[in-house]
């Protein structure tokens, strides 16, 4: 019989305060459950970023959804997470944006993030060793599988300033 991995107090707090996946594997943030996107639907560019003041410390997530091609802003999202690590916040931002894109009926998404770790883990380049990160990773892959097509792109911080601003506004209670 294998022993369950022991989680840090910070990781346990995040797990307790983070909404649980629904039966469809989507992050349940309340409201409607994400739908499978319709064929020929919306294509979205998503910029996401997590913020943590301390590691772990007070944390938040921010995501910006844009219509591909036009650049029209479809959603600006921010969520306080409580105490979490920066990597947990980065994954929470990814999940927040993916769920909203699915609610909008997006069929295609390009994820832009300045977290090299998250992008390379989602693309399967890096292994995911930490139990909490494994949960976030599995949930992200489950959401990505609902899109007809998806890409994940690492961008420099300078190209992700709006998502960073949204995460910090959420952390400061401004969203």
N, C-alpha and C. Protein backbone atom coordinates (compact mmCIF):
# COMPACT_ATOMS: atom_id res chain seq x y z
N UNK A 1 0.85 -1.17 0.00
CA UNK A 1 0.00 0.00 0.00
C UNK A 1 0.90 1.23 0.00
N UNK A 2 0.66 2.15 -0.94
CA UNK A 2 1.49 3.34 -1.00
C UNK A 2 0.94 4.42 -0.08
N UNK A 3 1.85 5.16 0.50
CA UNK A 3 1.48 6.23 1.41
C UNK A 3 1.19 7.49 0.62
N UNK A 4 0.15 8.23 1.04
CA UNK A 4 -0.17 9.48 0.37
C UNK A 4 0.95 10.48 0.63
N UNK A 5 1.28 11.34 -0.39
CA UNK A 5 2.32 12.34 -0.17
C UNK A 5 1.85 13.36 0.87
N UNK A 6 2.79 13.82 1.69
CA UNK A 6 2.46 14.81 2.71
C UNK A 6 2.59 16.19 2.08
N UNK A 7 1.56 17.02 2.28
CA UNK A 7 1.54 18.37 1.72
C UNK A 7 1.90 19.37 2.81
N UNK A 8 2.51 20.46 2.39
CA UNK A 8 2.83 21.53 3.34
C UNK A 8 1.54 22.18 3.81
N UNK A 9 1.61 22.91 4.90
CA UNK A 9 0.44 23.62 5.41
C UNK A 9 -0.08 24.61 4.37
N UNK A 10 0.82 25.27 3.66
CA UNK A 10 0.42 26.23 2.62
C UNK A 10 -0.31 25.52 1.50
N UNK A 11 0.19 24.38 1.07
CA UNK A 11 -0.45 23.63 -0.01
C UNK A 11 -1.83 23.14 0.41
N UNK A 12 -1.96 22.69 1.65
CA UNK A 12 -3.26 22.25 2.15
C UNK A 12 -4.27 23.40 2.18
N UNK A 13 -3.81 24.60 2.58
CA UNK A 13 -4.72 25.75 2.60
C UNK A 13 -5.20 26.08 1.19
N UNK A 14 -4.29 26.01 0.22
CA UNK A 14 -4.68 26.29 -1.16
C UNK A 14 -5.68 25.25 -1.65
N UNK A 15 -5.42 23.98 -1.36
CA UNK A 15 -6.34 22.93 -1.78
C UNK A 15 -7.71 23.11 -1.15
N UNK A 16 -7.74 23.48 0.13
CA UNK A 16 -9.03 23.67 0.81
C UNK A 16 -9.77 24.89 0.28
N UNK A 17 -9.02 25.94 -0.08
CA UNK A 17 -9.67 27.18 -0.52
C UNK A 17 -9.90 27.22 -2.02
N UNK A 18 -9.26 26.34 -2.77
CA UNK A 18 -9.44 26.31 -4.22
C UNK A 18 -10.65 25.47 -4.55
N UNK A 19 -11.53 25.99 -5.40
CA UNK A 19 -12.70 25.19 -5.79
C UNK A 19 -12.27 23.86 -6.39
N UNK A 20 -13.07 22.85 -6.15
CA UNK A 20 -12.76 21.50 -6.63
C UNK A 20 -13.20 21.32 -8.07
N UNK A 21 -12.54 20.42 -8.81
CA UNK A 21 -12.97 20.17 -10.18
C UNK A 21 -14.38 19.58 -10.21
N UNK A 22 -15.13 19.94 -11.22
CA UNK A 22 -16.46 19.37 -11.41
C UNK A 22 -16.29 18.00 -12.05
N UNK A 23 -17.40 17.33 -12.30
CA UNK A 23 -17.36 16.01 -12.93
C UNK A 23 -16.71 16.08 -14.31
N UNK A 24 -16.83 17.24 -14.97
CA UNK A 24 -16.22 17.39 -16.28
C UNK A 24 -14.74 17.72 -16.18
N UNK A 25 -14.21 17.90 -14.98
CA UNK A 25 -12.80 18.21 -14.80
C UNK A 25 -12.50 19.70 -14.86
N UNK A 26 -13.52 20.55 -14.88
CA UNK A 26 -13.29 21.99 -14.96
C UNK A 26 -13.25 22.58 -13.56
N UNK A 27 -12.49 23.64 -13.41
CA UNK A 27 -12.42 24.33 -12.13
C UNK A 27 -13.76 24.98 -11.86
N UNK A 28 -14.37 24.67 -10.75
CA UNK A 28 -15.68 25.21 -10.43
C UNK A 28 -15.52 26.51 -9.65
N UNK A 29 -15.68 27.63 -10.35
CA UNK A 29 -15.60 28.93 -9.71
C UNK A 29 -17.00 29.50 -9.48
N UNK A 30 -18.01 28.68 -9.58
CA UNK A 30 -19.38 29.12 -9.44
C UNK A 30 -19.97 29.44 -10.80
N UNK A 31 -21.27 29.58 -10.85
CA UNK A 31 -21.91 29.91 -12.12
C UNK A 31 -22.05 28.70 -13.01
N UNK A 32 -22.19 28.96 -14.31
CA UNK A 32 -22.38 27.89 -15.29
C UNK A 32 -21.14 27.02 -15.43
N UNK A 33 -21.37 25.76 -15.70
CA UNK A 33 -20.26 24.86 -16.00
C UNK A 33 -19.80 25.12 -17.42
N UNK A 34 -18.50 25.00 -17.70
CA UNK A 34 -18.01 25.20 -19.06
C UNK A 34 -18.66 24.21 -20.01
N UNK A 35 -18.92 24.67 -21.21
CA UNK A 35 -19.50 23.83 -22.25
C UNK A 35 -18.43 23.42 -23.24
N UNK A 36 -18.64 22.31 -23.91
CA UNK A 36 -17.77 21.91 -25.01
C UNK A 36 -17.98 22.95 -26.12
N UNK A 37 -16.91 23.57 -26.64
CA UNK A 37 -17.08 24.60 -27.63
C UNK A 37 -17.71 24.09 -28.92
N UNK A 38 -18.48 24.94 -29.55
CA UNK A 38 -19.11 24.60 -30.82
C UNK A 38 -18.08 24.66 -31.94
N UNK A 39 -18.27 23.82 -32.95
CA UNK A 39 -17.37 23.83 -34.10
C UNK A 39 -17.46 25.19 -34.79
N UNK A 40 -16.31 25.70 -35.23
CA UNK A 40 -16.29 26.98 -35.93
C UNK A 40 -16.50 28.16 -35.00
N UNK A 41 -16.32 27.95 -33.69
CA UNK A 41 -16.55 29.01 -32.71
C UNK A 41 -15.40 29.99 -32.61
N UNK A 42 -15.32 30.58 -31.50
CA UNK A 42 -14.41 31.66 -31.17
C UNK A 42 -12.97 31.18 -30.97
N UNK A 43 -12.02 31.95 -31.46
CA UNK A 43 -10.59 31.70 -31.22
C UNK A 43 -10.09 32.79 -30.27
N UNK A 44 -9.39 32.39 -29.23
CA UNK A 44 -8.99 33.32 -28.16
C UNK A 44 -7.48 33.28 -27.94
N UNK A 45 -6.92 34.48 -27.71
CA UNK A 45 -5.57 34.63 -27.17
C UNK A 45 -5.74 34.92 -25.69
N UNK A 46 -5.13 34.10 -24.85
CA UNK A 46 -5.24 34.30 -23.41
C UNK A 46 -3.87 34.64 -22.85
N UNK A 47 -3.81 35.68 -22.04
CA UNK A 47 -2.61 36.06 -21.31
C UNK A 47 -2.93 35.83 -19.84
N UNK A 48 -2.06 35.10 -19.14
CA UNK A 48 -2.34 34.80 -17.74
C UNK A 48 -1.08 34.98 -16.90
N UNK A 49 -1.32 35.33 -15.63
CA UNK A 49 -0.19 35.53 -14.72
C UNK A 49 -0.68 35.34 -13.29
N UNK A 50 0.21 34.82 -12.47
CA UNK A 50 -0.07 34.68 -11.05
C UNK A 50 0.80 35.63 -10.27
N UNK A 51 0.35 36.00 -9.08
CA UNK A 51 1.13 36.89 -8.21
C UNK A 51 1.13 36.30 -6.80
N UNK A 52 2.28 36.37 -6.16
CA UNK A 52 2.41 35.91 -4.79
C UNK A 52 3.39 36.83 -4.08
N UNK A 53 2.96 37.41 -3.00
CA UNK A 53 3.84 38.29 -2.21
C UNK A 53 4.37 37.47 -1.05
N UNK A 54 5.50 36.89 -1.30
CA UNK A 54 6.08 35.89 -0.41
C UNK A 54 5.93 34.57 -1.15
N UNK A 55 6.66 33.57 -0.77
CA UNK A 55 6.57 32.31 -1.50
C UNK A 55 6.62 31.14 -0.51
N UNK A 56 5.53 30.76 0.13
CA UNK A 56 4.17 31.21 -0.15
C UNK A 56 3.84 32.52 0.55
N UNK A 57 2.76 33.11 0.10
CA UNK A 57 2.25 34.36 0.65
C UNK A 57 0.91 34.66 0.04
N UNK A 58 0.36 35.83 0.35
CA UNK A 58 -0.91 36.20 -0.26
C UNK A 58 -0.76 36.13 -1.78
N UNK A 59 -1.73 35.51 -2.45
CA UNK A 59 -1.58 35.26 -3.88
C UNK A 59 -2.87 35.54 -4.63
N UNK A 60 -2.71 35.70 -5.95
CA UNK A 60 -3.85 35.94 -6.82
C UNK A 60 -3.54 35.49 -8.23
N UNK A 61 -4.58 35.51 -9.06
CA UNK A 61 -4.44 35.09 -10.45
C UNK A 61 -5.11 36.14 -11.34
N UNK A 62 -4.54 36.35 -12.53
CA UNK A 62 -5.14 37.27 -13.49
C UNK A 62 -5.08 36.68 -14.89
N UNK A 63 -6.14 36.89 -15.66
CA UNK A 63 -6.19 36.41 -17.05
C UNK A 63 -6.88 37.45 -17.91
N UNK A 64 -6.34 37.62 -19.10
CA UNK A 64 -6.89 38.52 -20.10
C UNK A 64 -7.24 37.68 -21.32
N UNK A 65 -8.49 37.77 -21.78
CA UNK A 65 -8.93 37.02 -22.95
C UNK A 65 -9.20 38.00 -24.09
N UNK A 66 -8.56 37.74 -25.23
CA UNK A 66 -8.71 38.58 -26.42
C UNK A 66 -9.19 37.75 -27.58
N UNK A 67 -10.00 38.34 -28.43
CA UNK A 67 -10.42 37.66 -29.65
C UNK A 67 -9.23 37.63 -30.60
N UNK A 68 -8.88 36.42 -31.07
CA UNK A 68 -7.76 36.32 -32.01
C UNK A 68 -8.11 37.07 -33.28
N UNK A 69 -7.13 37.75 -33.82
CA UNK A 69 -7.32 38.50 -35.05
C UNK A 69 -7.65 39.96 -34.77
N UNK A 70 -8.74 40.22 -34.04
CA UNK A 70 -9.15 41.60 -33.80
C UNK A 70 -8.46 42.20 -32.57
N UNK A 71 -8.09 41.35 -31.60
CA UNK A 71 -7.51 41.85 -30.36
C UNK A 71 -8.55 42.43 -29.41
N UNK A 72 -9.83 42.28 -29.75
CA UNK A 72 -10.91 42.80 -28.91
C UNK A 72 -10.86 42.11 -27.54
N UNK A 73 -10.94 42.93 -26.48
CA UNK A 73 -10.94 42.38 -25.13
C UNK A 73 -12.28 41.71 -24.86
N UNK A 74 -12.22 40.43 -24.53
CA UNK A 74 -13.43 39.65 -24.22
C UNK A 74 -13.66 39.55 -22.72
N UNK A 75 -12.57 39.51 -21.94
CA UNK A 75 -12.71 39.40 -20.49
C UNK A 75 -11.41 39.78 -19.81
N UNK A 76 -11.57 40.44 -18.67
CA UNK A 76 -10.46 40.72 -17.76
C UNK A 76 -10.84 40.04 -16.45
N UNK A 77 -10.02 39.11 -16.01
CA UNK A 77 -10.34 38.28 -14.85
C UNK A 77 -9.28 38.41 -13.78
N UNK A 78 -9.70 38.42 -12.54
CA UNK A 78 -8.78 38.41 -11.41
C UNK A 78 -9.43 37.68 -10.25
N UNK A 79 -8.62 36.97 -9.49
CA UNK A 79 -9.14 36.20 -8.36
C UNK A 79 -8.10 36.12 -7.26
N UNK A 80 -8.51 36.44 -6.03
CA UNK A 80 -7.65 36.26 -4.86
C UNK A 80 -7.64 34.78 -4.51
N UNK A 81 -6.47 34.29 -4.12
CA UNK A 81 -6.32 32.87 -3.83
C UNK A 81 -6.07 32.56 -2.36
N UNK A 82 -5.80 33.56 -1.57
CA UNK A 82 -5.36 33.30 -0.21
C UNK A 82 -3.85 33.09 -0.23
N UNK A 83 -3.34 32.25 0.65
CA UNK A 83 -1.90 32.00 0.72
C UNK A 83 -1.53 30.88 -0.24
N UNK A 84 -0.57 31.16 -1.12
CA UNK A 84 -0.14 30.16 -2.11
C UNK A 84 1.27 30.51 -2.59
N UNK A 85 1.89 29.56 -3.26
CA UNK A 85 3.20 29.82 -3.87
C UNK A 85 2.98 30.51 -5.21
N UNK A 86 4.05 31.05 -5.76
CA UNK A 86 3.95 31.69 -7.06
C UNK A 86 3.53 30.68 -8.14
N UNK A 87 4.09 29.48 -8.10
CA UNK A 87 3.73 28.47 -9.11
C UNK A 87 2.26 28.08 -9.00
N UNK A 88 1.74 27.97 -7.79
CA UNK A 88 0.31 27.68 -7.62
C UNK A 88 -0.52 28.81 -8.21
N UNK A 89 -0.10 30.05 -7.99
CA UNK A 89 -0.82 31.21 -8.53
C UNK A 89 -0.77 31.22 -10.06
N UNK A 90 0.37 30.84 -10.63
CA UNK A 90 0.50 30.79 -12.09
C UNK A 90 -0.48 29.77 -12.69
N UNK A 91 -0.58 28.60 -12.07
CA UNK A 91 -1.52 27.60 -12.54
C UNK A 91 -2.97 28.05 -12.34
N UNK A 92 -3.25 28.69 -11.21
CA UNK A 92 -4.61 29.18 -10.96
C UNK A 92 -5.03 30.19 -12.03
N UNK A 93 -4.10 31.03 -12.47
CA UNK A 93 -4.39 32.00 -13.53
C UNK A 93 -4.70 31.29 -14.85
N UNK A 94 -3.94 30.27 -15.14
CA UNK A 94 -4.19 29.47 -16.35
C UNK A 94 -5.58 28.85 -16.30
N UNK A 95 -5.93 28.23 -15.19
CA UNK A 95 -7.23 27.57 -15.04
C UNK A 95 -8.38 28.57 -15.11
N UNK A 96 -8.19 29.73 -14.49
CA UNK A 96 -9.22 30.76 -14.49
C UNK A 96 -9.54 31.20 -15.92
N UNK A 97 -8.52 31.45 -16.72
CA UNK A 97 -8.73 31.88 -18.09
C UNK A 97 -9.29 30.79 -18.98
N UNK A 98 -8.82 29.55 -18.81
CA UNK A 98 -9.32 28.44 -19.62
C UNK A 98 -10.80 28.21 -19.37
N UNK A 99 -11.21 28.25 -18.12
CA UNK A 99 -12.61 28.01 -17.82
C UNK A 99 -13.48 29.10 -18.44
N UNK A 100 -13.05 30.34 -18.34
CA UNK A 100 -13.84 31.43 -18.92
C UNK A 100 -13.91 31.31 -20.44
N UNK A 101 -12.82 30.94 -21.08
CA UNK A 101 -12.81 30.77 -22.53
C UNK A 101 -13.80 29.68 -22.96
N UNK A 102 -13.87 28.61 -22.19
CA UNK A 102 -14.82 27.55 -22.49
C UNK A 102 -16.26 28.02 -22.31
N UNK A 103 -16.51 28.81 -21.27
CA UNK A 103 -17.85 29.36 -21.06
C UNK A 103 -18.27 30.22 -22.24
N UNK A 104 -17.31 30.90 -22.85
CA UNK A 104 -17.60 31.76 -24.00
C UNK A 104 -17.83 30.97 -25.29
N UNK A 105 -17.53 29.67 -25.24
CA UNK A 105 -17.71 28.84 -26.42
C UNK A 105 -16.51 28.82 -27.35
N UNK A 106 -15.35 29.13 -26.84
CA UNK A 106 -14.14 29.14 -27.68
C UNK A 106 -13.82 27.74 -28.19
N UNK A 107 -13.39 27.66 -29.43
CA UNK A 107 -12.99 26.38 -30.01
C UNK A 107 -11.47 26.26 -30.06
N UNK A 108 -10.79 27.39 -30.00
CA UNK A 108 -9.34 27.42 -30.12
C UNK A 108 -8.78 28.44 -29.15
N UNK A 109 -7.62 28.12 -28.57
CA UNK A 109 -7.00 29.05 -27.63
C UNK A 109 -5.49 28.99 -27.75
N UNK A 110 -4.89 30.15 -27.64
CA UNK A 110 -3.43 30.25 -27.51
C UNK A 110 -3.16 30.87 -26.15
N UNK A 111 -2.49 30.12 -25.30
CA UNK A 111 -2.15 30.57 -23.95
C UNK A 111 -0.79 31.25 -24.01
N UNK A 112 -0.73 32.47 -23.49
CA UNK A 112 0.53 33.22 -23.40
C UNK A 112 0.79 33.42 -21.90
N UNK A 113 1.95 32.99 -21.43
CA UNK A 113 2.30 33.15 -20.02
C UNK A 113 3.79 33.39 -19.89
N UNK A 114 4.16 34.14 -18.85
CA UNK A 114 5.59 34.37 -18.62
C UNK A 114 6.19 33.34 -17.67
N UNK A 115 5.40 32.36 -17.26
CA UNK A 115 5.90 31.27 -16.43
C UNK A 115 6.43 30.15 -17.33
N UNK A 116 7.73 30.10 -17.47
CA UNK A 116 8.34 29.05 -18.29
C UNK A 116 7.99 27.67 -17.74
N UNK A 117 7.95 27.56 -16.42
CA UNK A 117 7.63 26.28 -15.79
C UNK A 117 6.25 25.78 -16.22
N UNK A 118 5.23 26.62 -16.09
CA UNK A 118 3.87 26.21 -16.43
C UNK A 118 3.77 25.88 -17.92
N UNK A 119 4.32 26.72 -18.77
CA UNK A 119 4.23 26.47 -20.22
C UNK A 119 4.92 25.15 -20.57
N UNK A 120 6.12 24.93 -20.05
CA UNK A 120 6.84 23.70 -20.40
C UNK A 120 6.19 22.46 -19.78
N UNK A 121 5.55 22.59 -18.63
CA UNK A 121 4.84 21.45 -18.06
C UNK A 121 3.60 21.13 -18.87
N UNK A 122 2.85 22.15 -19.28
CA UNK A 122 1.64 21.93 -20.08
C UNK A 122 1.99 21.30 -21.43
N UNK A 123 3.12 21.71 -21.99
CA UNK A 123 3.54 21.16 -23.28
C UNK A 123 4.19 19.79 -23.16
N UNK A 124 4.41 19.33 -21.93
CA UNK A 124 5.00 18.01 -21.72
C UNK A 124 6.51 17.99 -21.78
N UNK A 125 7.14 19.15 -21.77
CA UNK A 125 8.61 19.24 -21.83
C UNK A 125 9.21 18.98 -20.44
N UNK A 126 8.58 19.53 -19.40
CA UNK A 126 9.02 19.31 -18.02
C UNK A 126 8.05 18.36 -17.33
N UNK A 127 8.60 17.50 -16.46
CA UNK A 127 7.78 16.64 -15.62
C UNK A 127 7.19 17.47 -14.49
N UNK A 128 6.08 17.00 -13.96
CA UNK A 128 5.43 17.66 -12.82
C UNK A 128 5.60 16.73 -11.63
N UNK A 129 6.40 17.15 -10.67
CA UNK A 129 6.73 16.28 -9.54
C UNK A 129 5.89 16.57 -8.29
N UNK A 130 5.60 17.83 -8.01
CA UNK A 130 4.92 18.20 -6.78
C UNK A 130 3.45 17.81 -6.85
N UNK A 131 2.91 17.18 -5.79
CA UNK A 131 1.52 16.70 -5.82
C UNK A 131 0.48 17.80 -6.10
N UNK A 132 0.65 18.97 -5.54
CA UNK A 132 -0.30 20.06 -5.79
C UNK A 132 -0.20 20.50 -7.25
N UNK A 133 1.02 20.61 -7.74
CA UNK A 133 1.21 21.01 -9.14
C UNK A 133 0.67 19.93 -10.09
N UNK A 134 0.76 18.66 -9.69
CA UNK A 134 0.21 17.58 -10.52
C UNK A 134 -1.30 17.76 -10.67
N UNK A 135 -1.96 18.14 -9.59
CA UNK A 135 -3.41 18.35 -9.64
C UNK A 135 -3.75 19.49 -10.59
N UNK A 136 -3.05 20.62 -10.45
CA UNK A 136 -3.28 21.75 -11.34
C UNK A 136 -2.98 21.38 -12.79
N UNK A 137 -1.88 20.68 -12.99
CA UNK A 137 -1.47 20.27 -14.34
C UNK A 137 -2.53 19.39 -14.99
N UNK A 138 -3.02 18.40 -14.26
CA UNK A 138 -4.04 17.50 -14.79
C UNK A 138 -5.32 18.26 -15.13
N UNK A 139 -5.69 19.19 -14.26
CA UNK A 139 -6.89 19.99 -14.52
C UNK A 139 -6.70 20.86 -15.76
N UNK A 140 -5.53 21.46 -15.92
CA UNK A 140 -5.26 22.29 -17.10
C UNK A 140 -5.33 21.46 -18.37
N UNK A 141 -4.74 20.27 -18.36
CA UNK A 141 -4.79 19.41 -19.54
C UNK A 141 -6.22 18.98 -19.85
N UNK A 142 -7.00 18.73 -18.82
CA UNK A 142 -8.40 18.37 -19.02
C UNK A 142 -9.19 19.50 -19.68
N UNK A 143 -8.94 20.72 -19.25
CA UNK A 143 -9.62 21.86 -19.86
C UNK A 143 -9.13 22.09 -21.29
N UNK A 144 -7.83 21.99 -21.50
CA UNK A 144 -7.28 22.19 -22.84
C UNK A 144 -7.83 21.16 -23.82
N UNK A 145 -8.10 19.95 -23.35
CA UNK A 145 -8.63 18.89 -24.21
C UNK A 145 -10.02 19.21 -24.74
N UNK A 146 -10.71 20.14 -24.11
CA UNK A 146 -12.05 20.53 -24.54
C UNK A 146 -12.02 21.47 -25.75
N UNK A 147 -10.86 22.00 -26.07
CA UNK A 147 -10.74 22.89 -27.22
C UNK A 147 -10.42 22.06 -28.46
N UNK A 148 -10.87 22.53 -29.60
CA UNK A 148 -10.56 21.87 -30.87
C UNK A 148 -9.06 21.94 -31.12
N UNK A 149 -8.46 23.08 -30.78
CA UNK A 149 -7.01 23.23 -30.89
C UNK A 149 -6.52 24.20 -29.82
N UNK A 150 -5.27 24.00 -29.40
CA UNK A 150 -4.67 24.90 -28.42
C UNK A 150 -3.16 24.94 -28.62
N UNK A 151 -2.58 26.05 -28.17
CA UNK A 151 -1.14 26.22 -28.15
C UNK A 151 -0.77 26.91 -26.85
N UNK A 152 0.44 26.68 -26.37
CA UNK A 152 0.95 27.34 -25.18
C UNK A 152 2.29 27.99 -25.55
N UNK A 153 2.40 29.28 -25.28
CA UNK A 153 3.56 30.07 -25.70
C UNK A 153 4.15 30.80 -24.50
N UNK A 154 5.46 30.65 -24.31
CA UNK A 154 6.13 31.41 -23.27
C UNK A 154 6.43 32.80 -23.82
N UNK A 155 6.06 33.84 -23.06
CA UNK A 155 6.33 35.22 -23.46
C UNK A 155 7.14 35.91 -22.38
N UNK A 156 7.94 36.90 -22.74
CA UNK A 156 8.64 37.67 -21.71
C UNK A 156 7.65 38.48 -20.88
N UNK A 157 8.05 38.83 -19.67
CA UNK A 157 7.18 39.61 -18.77
C UNK A 157 6.64 40.87 -19.41
N UNK A 158 7.48 41.50 -20.24
CA UNK A 158 7.09 42.77 -20.87
C UNK A 158 5.88 42.58 -21.80
N UNK A 159 5.64 41.37 -22.26
CA UNK A 159 4.51 41.09 -23.15
C UNK A 159 3.30 40.58 -22.38
N UNK A 160 3.41 40.55 -21.05
CA UNK A 160 2.34 40.00 -20.22
C UNK A 160 1.92 40.99 -19.12
N UNK A 161 2.10 42.27 -19.38
CA UNK A 161 1.88 43.28 -18.34
C UNK A 161 0.42 43.41 -17.93
N UNK A 162 -0.52 43.23 -18.87
CA UNK A 162 -1.94 43.37 -18.52
C UNK A 162 -2.39 42.24 -17.59
N UNK A 163 -1.97 41.02 -17.84
CA UNK A 163 -2.32 39.91 -16.96
C UNK A 163 -1.68 40.10 -15.58
N UNK A 164 -0.46 40.61 -15.56
CA UNK A 164 0.22 40.90 -14.30
C UNK A 164 -0.55 41.97 -13.53
N UNK A 165 -1.00 43.01 -14.23
CA UNK A 165 -1.77 44.08 -13.60
C UNK A 165 -3.07 43.52 -13.00
N UNK A 166 -3.76 42.66 -13.75
CA UNK A 166 -5.00 42.06 -13.26
C UNK A 166 -4.76 41.22 -12.00
N UNK A 167 -3.70 40.44 -12.00
CA UNK A 167 -3.37 39.62 -10.82
C UNK A 167 -3.08 40.50 -9.61
N UNK A 168 -2.33 41.57 -9.82
CA UNK A 168 -2.00 42.47 -8.71
C UNK A 168 -3.21 43.27 -8.24
N UNK A 169 -4.10 43.65 -9.16
CA UNK A 169 -5.33 44.32 -8.76
C UNK A 169 -6.19 43.38 -7.91
N UNK A 170 -6.27 42.13 -8.29
CA UNK A 170 -7.04 41.15 -7.51
C UNK A 170 -6.42 41.00 -6.12
N UNK A 171 -5.10 40.94 -6.08
CA UNK A 171 -4.40 40.78 -4.79
C UNK A 171 -4.65 41.99 -3.88
N UNK A 172 -4.73 43.17 -4.49
CA UNK A 172 -4.96 44.40 -3.73
C UNK A 172 -6.44 44.65 -3.45
N UNK A 173 -7.31 43.73 -3.91
CA UNK A 173 -8.74 43.88 -3.67
C UNK A 173 -9.40 44.90 -4.57
N UNK A 174 -8.76 45.24 -5.68
CA UNK A 174 -9.31 46.25 -6.59
C UNK A 174 -10.19 45.64 -7.68
N UNK A 175 -10.24 44.34 -7.79
CA UNK A 175 -11.10 43.68 -8.78
C UNK A 175 -12.20 42.92 -8.09
